[in-house]
Amino acid sequence: MKPRIHPTSRLVVFRDRAADVAFLTRSTADSAETITWEDGSTYPLIDVETSSASHPVYTGTARVLDTAGRVERFERRYGTRTTGHGRTHGTHGL
């Protein structure tokens, strides 16, 4: 690696406000706010809104959307149309 072209990597604490969880990791991000970690050292603190501790995909609380039901509801609401070729298509493209 060439010297002086890469950002400095340091230990940083990321705190997920939604899940009230904090974790210590290496990052190039910096912050003026600091926190004293469990080991007694002081590290820069970065607050995040979502992390793997609170994101629905990682916590298993993600909802599966019923896309087939949405298509059927759309076709009931707006109908379907027939092209000159005898094929039925939804209203999209009108």
N, C-alpha and C. Protein backbone atom coordinates (compact mmCIF):
# COMPACT_ATOMS: atom_id res chain seq x y z
N MET A 1 0.83 -1.19 0.00
CA MET A 1 0.00 0.00 0.00
C MET A 1 0.88 1.24 0.00
N LYS A 2 0.41 2.23 -0.72
CA LYS A 2 1.13 3.50 -0.73
C LYS A 2 0.89 4.23 0.59
N PRO A 3 1.92 4.84 1.15
CA PRO A 3 1.73 5.58 2.41
C PRO A 3 0.96 6.87 2.18
N ARG A 4 0.22 7.28 3.19
CA ARG A 4 -0.51 8.57 3.26
C ARG A 4 -1.65 8.72 2.27
N ILE A 5 -2.13 7.67 1.62
CA ILE A 5 -3.28 7.84 0.73
C ILE A 5 -4.53 7.17 1.29
N HIS A 6 -4.38 6.35 2.33
CA HIS A 6 -5.51 5.66 2.91
C HIS A 6 -5.91 6.33 4.21
N PRO A 7 -7.22 6.41 4.50
CA PRO A 7 -7.65 7.02 5.76
C PRO A 7 -7.21 6.18 6.95
N THR A 8 -7.04 6.83 8.07
CA THR A 8 -6.60 6.15 9.29
C THR A 8 -7.76 5.36 9.89
N SER A 9 -7.50 4.11 10.16
CA SER A 9 -8.49 3.24 10.80
C SER A 9 -8.23 3.23 12.29
N ARG A 10 -9.29 3.40 13.08
CA ARG A 10 -9.16 3.46 14.54
C ARG A 10 -10.34 2.72 15.17
N LEU A 11 -10.23 2.44 16.46
CA LEU A 11 -11.34 1.83 17.18
C LEU A 11 -12.40 2.89 17.44
N VAL A 12 -13.65 2.55 17.14
CA VAL A 12 -14.78 3.47 17.29
C VAL A 12 -15.95 2.68 17.89
N VAL A 13 -16.75 3.33 18.73
CA VAL A 13 -17.95 2.71 19.28
C VAL A 13 -19.14 3.20 18.48
N PHE A 14 -19.92 2.26 17.94
CA PHE A 14 -21.17 2.58 17.27
C PHE A 14 -22.30 2.21 18.22
N ARG A 15 -23.24 3.15 18.43
CA ARG A 15 -24.36 2.92 19.34
C ARG A 15 -25.66 2.97 18.55
N ASP A 16 -26.42 1.88 18.62
CA ASP A 16 -27.73 1.79 17.97
C ASP A 16 -28.76 2.29 18.97
N ARG A 17 -29.32 3.44 18.70
CA ARG A 17 -30.29 4.05 19.61
C ARG A 17 -31.58 3.24 19.69
N ALA A 18 -32.02 2.63 18.60
CA ALA A 18 -33.28 1.89 18.58
C ALA A 18 -33.22 0.64 19.45
N ALA A 19 -32.09 -0.07 19.42
CA ALA A 19 -31.96 -1.32 20.17
C ALA A 19 -31.21 -1.13 21.48
N ASP A 20 -30.71 0.07 21.73
CA ASP A 20 -29.92 0.36 22.93
C ASP A 20 -28.75 -0.62 23.06
N VAL A 21 -28.01 -0.75 21.94
CA VAL A 21 -26.85 -1.64 21.87
C VAL A 21 -25.67 -0.84 21.35
N ALA A 22 -24.48 -1.13 21.87
CA ALA A 22 -23.26 -0.48 21.39
C ALA A 22 -22.24 -1.55 21.07
N PHE A 23 -21.42 -1.31 20.06
CA PHE A 23 -20.36 -2.26 19.73
C PHE A 23 -19.11 -1.51 19.31
N LEU A 24 -17.98 -2.09 19.64
CA LEU A 24 -16.67 -1.52 19.37
C LEU A 24 -16.08 -2.20 18.14
N THR A 25 -15.67 -1.41 17.17
CA THR A 25 -15.11 -1.96 15.94
C THR A 25 -14.13 -0.96 15.34
N ARG A 26 -13.40 -1.39 14.34
CA ARG A 26 -12.47 -0.49 13.64
C ARG A 26 -13.23 0.24 12.55
N SER A 27 -12.92 1.52 12.38
CA SER A 27 -13.58 2.34 11.37
C SER A 27 -12.71 3.54 11.03
N THR A 28 -12.96 4.11 9.86
CA THR A 28 -12.29 5.35 9.48
C THR A 28 -13.12 6.56 9.90
N ALA A 29 -14.35 6.32 10.37
CA ALA A 29 -15.22 7.41 10.80
C ALA A 29 -14.67 8.02 12.09
N ASP A 30 -14.92 9.31 12.27
CA ASP A 30 -14.46 10.00 13.47
C ASP A 30 -15.61 10.82 14.03
N SER A 31 -15.55 11.11 15.30
CA SER A 31 -16.60 11.87 15.95
C SER A 31 -16.00 12.70 17.08
N ALA A 32 -16.59 13.84 17.34
CA ALA A 32 -16.14 14.68 18.45
C ALA A 32 -16.68 14.14 19.77
N GLU A 33 -17.79 13.39 19.71
CA GLU A 33 -18.38 12.80 20.90
C GLU A 33 -17.61 11.53 21.27
N THR A 34 -17.39 11.31 22.56
CA THR A 34 -16.64 10.14 23.02
C THR A 34 -17.43 9.39 24.08
N ILE A 35 -17.00 8.16 24.34
CA ILE A 35 -17.63 7.33 25.36
C ILE A 35 -16.53 6.48 26.01
N THR A 36 -16.70 6.20 27.29
CA THR A 36 -15.78 5.30 27.98
C THR A 36 -16.33 3.89 27.83
N TRP A 37 -15.54 3.02 27.23
CA TRP A 37 -15.96 1.65 26.94
C TRP A 37 -15.74 0.76 28.15
N GLU A 38 -16.19 -0.48 28.07
CA GLU A 38 -16.09 -1.45 29.17
C GLU A 38 -14.66 -1.70 29.63
N ASP A 39 -13.69 -1.51 28.73
CA ASP A 39 -12.29 -1.75 29.09
C ASP A 39 -11.65 -0.54 29.78
N GLY A 40 -12.43 0.54 29.96
CA GLY A 40 -11.92 1.74 30.63
C GLY A 40 -11.31 2.77 29.69
N SER A 41 -11.15 2.43 28.43
CA SER A 41 -10.59 3.37 27.45
C SER A 41 -11.69 4.24 26.87
N THR A 42 -11.31 5.41 26.38
CA THR A 42 -12.24 6.34 25.76
C THR A 42 -12.11 6.24 24.24
N TYR A 43 -13.26 6.10 23.57
CA TYR A 43 -13.30 5.96 22.11
C TYR A 43 -14.29 6.95 21.52
N PRO A 44 -14.11 7.32 20.23
CA PRO A 44 -15.11 8.14 19.56
C PRO A 44 -16.44 7.39 19.50
N LEU A 45 -17.55 8.12 19.62
CA LEU A 45 -18.89 7.52 19.63
C LEU A 45 -19.67 8.01 18.43
N ILE A 46 -20.25 7.07 17.69
CA ILE A 46 -21.10 7.41 16.55
C ILE A 46 -22.45 6.76 16.77
N ASP A 47 -23.51 7.58 16.83
CA ASP A 47 -24.87 7.07 16.99
C ASP A 47 -25.45 6.73 15.62
N VAL A 48 -26.06 5.56 15.53
CA VAL A 48 -26.71 5.13 14.29
C VAL A 48 -28.17 4.82 14.58
N GLU A 49 -29.01 4.96 13.57
CA GLU A 49 -30.43 4.69 13.75
C GLU A 49 -30.74 3.21 13.61
N THR A 50 -29.99 2.52 12.76
CA THR A 50 -30.25 1.11 12.50
C THR A 50 -28.94 0.35 12.41
N SER A 51 -28.90 -0.80 13.04
CA SER A 51 -27.76 -1.71 12.92
C SER A 51 -28.31 -3.12 12.84
N SER A 52 -27.44 -4.10 12.83
CA SER A 52 -27.90 -5.48 12.78
C SER A 52 -28.70 -5.86 14.03
N ALA A 53 -28.55 -5.09 15.10
CA ALA A 53 -29.29 -5.37 16.33
C ALA A 53 -30.74 -4.92 16.25
N SER A 54 -31.07 -3.98 15.35
CA SER A 54 -32.44 -3.48 15.29
C SER A 54 -33.08 -3.61 13.91
N HIS A 55 -32.32 -3.97 12.89
CA HIS A 55 -32.89 -4.07 11.54
C HIS A 55 -33.78 -5.30 11.43
N PRO A 56 -35.00 -5.17 10.89
CA PRO A 56 -35.94 -6.30 10.83
C PRO A 56 -35.40 -7.53 10.10
N VAL A 57 -34.58 -7.36 9.09
CA VAL A 57 -34.06 -8.51 8.35
C VAL A 57 -33.15 -9.35 9.24
N TYR A 58 -32.33 -8.71 10.04
CA TYR A 58 -31.38 -9.42 10.89
C TYR A 58 -31.99 -9.92 12.19
N THR A 59 -33.06 -9.28 12.66
CA THR A 59 -33.67 -9.70 13.91
C THR A 59 -34.76 -10.74 13.70
N GLY A 60 -35.12 -10.99 12.44
CA GLY A 60 -36.15 -11.99 12.15
C GLY A 60 -37.56 -11.47 12.25
N THR A 61 -37.74 -10.16 12.32
CA THR A 61 -39.09 -9.59 12.43
C THR A 61 -39.57 -8.99 11.11
N ALA A 62 -38.87 -9.30 10.02
CA ALA A 62 -39.26 -8.76 8.72
C ALA A 62 -40.59 -9.38 8.29
N ARG A 63 -41.43 -8.57 7.66
CA ARG A 63 -42.71 -9.05 7.17
C ARG A 63 -42.58 -9.40 5.69
N VAL A 64 -43.22 -10.48 5.29
CA VAL A 64 -43.21 -10.89 3.89
C VAL A 64 -44.44 -10.28 3.23
N LEU A 65 -44.24 -9.60 2.11
CA LEU A 65 -45.34 -8.98 1.40
C LEU A 65 -46.01 -9.98 0.48
N ASP A 66 -47.32 -9.92 0.42
CA ASP A 66 -48.09 -10.80 -0.45
C ASP A 66 -48.24 -10.12 -1.80
N THR A 67 -47.25 -10.29 -2.68
CA THR A 67 -47.29 -9.60 -3.97
C THR A 67 -48.35 -10.18 -4.89
N ALA A 68 -48.63 -11.47 -4.80
CA ALA A 68 -49.67 -12.06 -5.66
C ALA A 68 -51.02 -11.45 -5.31
N GLY A 69 -51.29 -11.27 -4.03
CA GLY A 69 -52.54 -10.65 -3.61
C GLY A 69 -52.64 -9.21 -4.06
N ARG A 70 -51.53 -8.52 -4.12
CA ARG A 70 -51.54 -7.13 -4.58
C ARG A 70 -51.89 -7.05 -6.07
N VAL A 71 -51.34 -7.97 -6.85
CA VAL A 71 -51.64 -7.98 -8.29
C VAL A 71 -53.11 -8.27 -8.51
N GLU A 72 -53.65 -9.27 -7.80
CA GLU A 72 -55.07 -9.61 -7.94
C GLU A 72 -55.95 -8.44 -7.52
N ARG A 73 -55.62 -7.78 -6.44
CA ARG A 73 -56.40 -6.63 -5.98
C ARG A 73 -56.35 -5.50 -7.02
N PHE A 74 -55.17 -5.28 -7.61
CA PHE A 74 -55.03 -4.26 -8.64
C PHE A 74 -55.90 -4.59 -9.84
N GLU A 75 -55.88 -5.86 -10.28
CA GLU A 75 -56.69 -6.25 -11.45
C GLU A 75 -58.17 -6.17 -11.15
N ARG A 76 -58.60 -6.50 -9.93
CA ARG A 76 -60.02 -6.36 -9.56
C ARG A 76 -60.42 -4.89 -9.57
N ARG A 77 -59.53 -4.04 -9.06
CA ARG A 77 -59.85 -2.63 -8.94
C ARG A 77 -59.86 -1.93 -10.31
N TYR A 78 -58.88 -2.21 -11.15
CA TYR A 78 -58.74 -1.49 -12.41
C TYR A 78 -59.03 -2.34 -13.64
N GLY A 79 -59.30 -3.61 -13.45
CA GLY A 79 -59.65 -4.48 -14.56
C GLY A 79 -58.44 -4.90 -15.37
N THR A 80 -58.69 -5.70 -16.39
CA THR A 80 -57.65 -6.13 -17.31
C THR A 80 -58.09 -5.74 -18.70
N ARG A 81 -57.18 -5.75 -19.64
CA ARG A 81 -57.52 -5.39 -21.01
C ARG A 81 -57.02 -6.50 -21.94
N THR A 82 -57.63 -6.62 -23.10
CA THR A 82 -57.24 -7.62 -24.07
C THR A 82 -56.60 -6.92 -25.25
N THR A 83 -55.46 -7.42 -25.70
CA THR A 83 -54.79 -6.84 -26.86
C THR A 83 -55.39 -7.45 -28.12
N GLY A 84 -55.04 -6.95 -29.25
CA GLY A 84 -55.52 -7.48 -30.52
C GLY A 84 -55.06 -8.90 -30.79
N HIS A 85 -54.12 -9.38 -30.02
CA HIS A 85 -53.59 -10.73 -30.22
C HIS A 85 -54.32 -11.76 -29.37
N GLY A 86 -55.36 -11.35 -28.65
CA GLY A 86 -56.12 -12.28 -27.84
C GLY A 86 -55.51 -12.54 -26.47
N ARG A 87 -54.43 -11.84 -26.14
CA ARG A 87 -53.82 -12.02 -24.83
C ARG A 87 -54.36 -10.97 -23.86
N THR A 88 -54.53 -11.36 -22.63
CA THR A 88 -55.02 -10.44 -21.62
C THR A 88 -53.84 -9.83 -20.87
N HIS A 89 -53.88 -8.52 -20.71
CA HIS A 89 -52.82 -7.80 -19.99
C HIS A 89 -53.46 -6.89 -18.97
N GLY A 90 -52.72 -6.55 -17.96
CA GLY A 90 -53.18 -5.55 -17.00
C GLY A 90 -53.23 -4.19 -17.64
N THR A 91 -53.67 -3.20 -16.92
CA THR A 91 -53.81 -1.86 -17.47
C THR A 91 -52.50 -1.13 -17.62
N HIS A 92 -51.42 -1.70 -17.15
CA HIS A 92 -50.13 -1.02 -17.22
C HIS A 92 -49.72 -0.85 -18.69
N GLY A 93 -49.23 0.29 -19.01
CA GLY A 93 -48.86 0.58 -20.38
C GLY A 93 -49.87 1.41 -21.12
N LEU A 94 -51.02 1.69 -20.48
CA LEU A 94 -52.04 2.53 -21.13
C LEU A 94 -51.67 3.98 -21.05
